[in-house]
PDB file of N, CA and C in Angstrom:
ATOM      1  N   MET A   1     104.961  91.089 118.418  1.00  0.00           N
ATOM      2  CA  MET A   1     103.850  91.596 117.621  1.00  0.00           C
ATOM      3  C   MET A   1     104.375  91.800 116.419  1.00  0.00           C
ATOM      4  N   GLU A   2     105.687  92.296 115.947  1.00  0.00           N
ATOM      5  CA  GLU A   2     106.076  92.354 114.625  1.00  0.00           C
ATOM      6  C   GLU A   2     105.986  91.480 114.211  1.00  0.00           C
ATOM      7  N   ASN A   3     106.633  90.278 114.414  1.00  0.00           N
ATOM      8  CA  ASN A   3     106.553  88.990 113.794  1.00  0.00           C
ATOM      9  C   ASN A   3     105.297  88.622 113.440  1.00  0.00           C
ATOM     10  N   ILE A   4     104.000  88.628 114.153  1.00  0.00           N
ATOM     11  CA  ILE A   4     102.784  88.378 113.896  1.00  0.00           C
ATOM     12  C   ILE A   4     102.117  89.239 112.714  1.00  0.00           C
ATOM     13  N   LEU A   5     102.821  90.378 112.954  1.00  0.00           N
ATOM     14  CA  LEU A   5     102.327  91.621 111.703  1.00  0.00           C
ATOM     15  C   LEU A   5     102.678  90.782 110.436  1.00  0.00           C
ATOM     16  N   GLU A   6     104.022  90.639 110.634  1.00  0.00           N
ATOM     17  CA  GLU A   6     104.674  90.072 109.201  1.00  0.00           C
ATOM     18  C   GLU A   6     104.265  88.658 108.861  1.00  0.00           C
ATOM     19  N   GLU A   7     103.607  87.899 109.479  1.00  0.00           N
ATOM     20  CA  GLU A   7     103.095  86.543 109.051  1.00  0.00           C
ATOM     21  C   GLU A   7     101.863  86.841 108.560  1.00  0.00           C
ATOM     22  N   TYR A   8     101.070  87.788 109.141  1.00  0.00           N
ATOM     23  CA  TYR A   8      99.384  88.380 108.915  1.00  0.00           C
ATOM     24  C   TYR A   8      99.763  88.801 107.402  1.00  0.00           C
ATOM     25  N   ALA A   9     100.508  89.619 107.292  1.00  0.00           N
ATOM     26  CA  ALA A   9     100.808  90.518 106.175  1.00  0.00           C
ATOM     27  C   ALA A   9     101.078  89.378 104.736  1.00  0.00           C
ATOM     28  N   GLY A  10     101.992  88.449 105.065  1.00  0.00           N
ATOM     29  CA  GLY A  10     102.378  87.162 104.002  1.00  0.00           C
ATOM     30  C   GLY A  10     100.848  86.738 103.692  1.00  0.00           C
ATOM     31  N   LEU A  11     100.384  86.345 104.611  1.00  0.00           N
ATOM     32  CA  LEU A  11      99.157  85.690 104.533  1.00  0.00           C
ATOM     33  C   LEU A  11      98.207  86.284 103.714  1.00  0.00           C
ATOM     34  N   ILE A  12      98.006  87.598 103.809  1.00  0.00           N
ATOM     35  CA  ILE A  12      97.295  88.704 103.290  1.00  0.00           C
ATOM     36  C   ILE A  12      97.733  88.695 101.385  1.00  0.00           C
ATOM     37  N   MET A  13      98.919  88.668 101.664  1.00  0.00           N
ATOM     38  CA  MET A  13      99.546  88.559 100.170  1.00  0.00           C
ATOM     39  C   MET A  13      99.201  87.770  99.419  1.00  0.00           C
ATOM     40  N   ALA A  14      99.246  86.478 100.133  1.00  0.00           N
ATOM     41  CA  ALA A  14      99.063  84.885  99.611  1.00  0.00           C
ATOM     42  C   ALA A  14      97.636  85.128  99.172  1.00  0.00           C
ATOM     43  N   ILE A  15      96.722  85.530  99.943  1.00  0.00           N
ATOM     44  CA  ILE A  15      95.260  85.349  99.417  1.00  0.00           C
ATOM     45  C   ILE A  15      95.113  86.437  98.404  1.00  0.00           C
ATOM     46  N   ILE A  16      95.715  87.664  98.174  1.00  0.00           N
ATOM     47  CA  ILE A  16      95.296  88.537  97.361  1.00  0.00           C
ATOM     48  C   ILE A  16      96.258  87.930  95.815  1.00  0.00           C
ATOM     49  N   MET A  17      96.983  87.383  96.147  1.00  0.00           N
ATOM     50  CA  MET A  17      97.705  86.553  95.015  1.00  0.00           C
ATOM     51  C   MET A  17      96.595  85.584  94.217  1.00  0.00           C
ATOM     52  N   VAL A  18      95.975  84.785  94.890  1.00  0.00           N
ATOM     53  CA  VAL A  18      94.793  83.785  94.875  1.00  0.00           C
ATOM     54  C   VAL A  18      93.853  84.341  94.026  1.00  0.00           C
ATOM     55  N   PHE A  19      93.447  85.479  94.696  1.00  0.00           N
ATOM     56  CA  PHE A  19      92.103  86.411  93.848  1.00  0.00           C
ATOM     57  C   PHE A  19      92.627  86.877  92.437  1.00  0.00           C
ATOM     58  N   VAL A  20      93.946  87.240  92.661  1.00  0.00           N
ATOM     59  CA  VAL A  20      94.480  87.879  91.010  1.00  0.00           C
ATOM     60  C   VAL A  20      94.447  86.905  90.368  1.00  0.00           C
ATOM     61  N   ILE A  21      94.958  85.878  90.583  1.00  0.00           N
ATOM     62  CA  ILE A  21      95.237  84.291  89.946  1.00  0.00           C
ATOM     63  C   ILE A  21      94.052  83.944  89.227  1.00  0.00           C
ATOM     64  N   ASN A  22      92.824  83.869  90.336  1.00  0.00           N
ATOM     65  CA  ASN A  22      91.387  83.562  89.801  1.00  0.00           C
ATOM     66  C   ASN A  22      90.717  84.468  89.055  1.00  0.00           C
ATOM     67  N   GLY A  23      90.830  85.599  89.419  1.00  0.00           N
ATOM     68  CA  GLY A  23      90.219  86.675  88.372  1.00  0.00           C
ATOM     69  C   GLY A  23      90.797  86.744  86.982  1.00  0.00           C
ATOM     70  N   LEU A  24      92.040  86.733  86.906  1.00  0.00           N
ATOM     71  CA  LEU A  24      92.404  86.167  85.701  1.00  0.00           C
ATOM     72  C   LEU A  24      92.283  85.227  84.613  1.00  0.00           C
ATOM     73  N   PHE A  25      92.180  84.122  85.439  1.00  0.00           N
ATOM     74  CA  PHE A  25      91.688  82.877  84.783  1.00  0.00           C
ATOM     75  C   PHE A  25      90.363  82.776  84.369  1.00  0.00           C
ATOM     76  N   PHE A  26      89.355  83.592  85.208  1.00  0.00           N
ATOM     77  CA  PHE A  26      88.233  83.521  84.787  1.00  0.00           C
ATOM     78  C   PHE A  26      88.125  84.548  83.611  1.00  0.00           C
ATOM     79  N   LYS A  27      88.775  85.748  83.583  1.00  0.00           N
ATOM     80  CA  LYS A  27      88.823  86.612  82.408  1.00  0.00           C
ATOM     81  C   LYS A  27      89.080  85.999  81.301  1.00  0.00           C
ATOM     82  N   VAL A  28      90.189  85.077  81.369  1.00  0.00           N
ATOM     83  CA  VAL A  28      90.652  84.150  80.272  1.00  0.00           C
ATOM     84  C   VAL A  28      89.691  83.471  79.465  1.00  0.00           C
ATOM     85  N   LEU A  29      88.753  82.453  80.569  1.00  0.00           N
ATOM     86  CA  LEU A  29      87.803  81.626  80.178  1.00  0.00           C
ATOM     87  C   LEU A  29      86.565  82.476  79.559  1.00  0.00           C
ATOM     88  N   ILE A  30      86.033  83.829  80.158  1.00  0.00           N
ATOM     89  CA  ILE A  30      85.306  84.995  79.510  1.00  0.00           C
ATOM     90  C   ILE A  30      85.779  84.993  78.236  1.00  0.00           C
ATOM     91  N   GLY A  31      86.727  85.509  77.822  1.00  0.00           N
ATOM     92  CA  GLY A  31      87.500  85.761  76.616  1.00  0.00           C
ATOM     93  C   GLY A  31      87.312  85.019  75.825  1.00  0.00           C
ATOM     94  N   VAL A  32      87.550  83.710  76.040  1.00  0.00           N
ATOM     95  CA  VAL A  32      87.532  82.558  74.947  1.00  0.00           C
ATOM     96  C   VAL A  32      86.116  82.105  74.986  1.00  0.00           C
TER      97      VAL A  32
END
């Protein structure tokens, strides 16, 4: 169970990173 939770947490972190990067990218586009 612990290994699965760790992999799941890593996946969530990766998804959050993608959303954060996309959010910053769109903010830059709107800013320009």
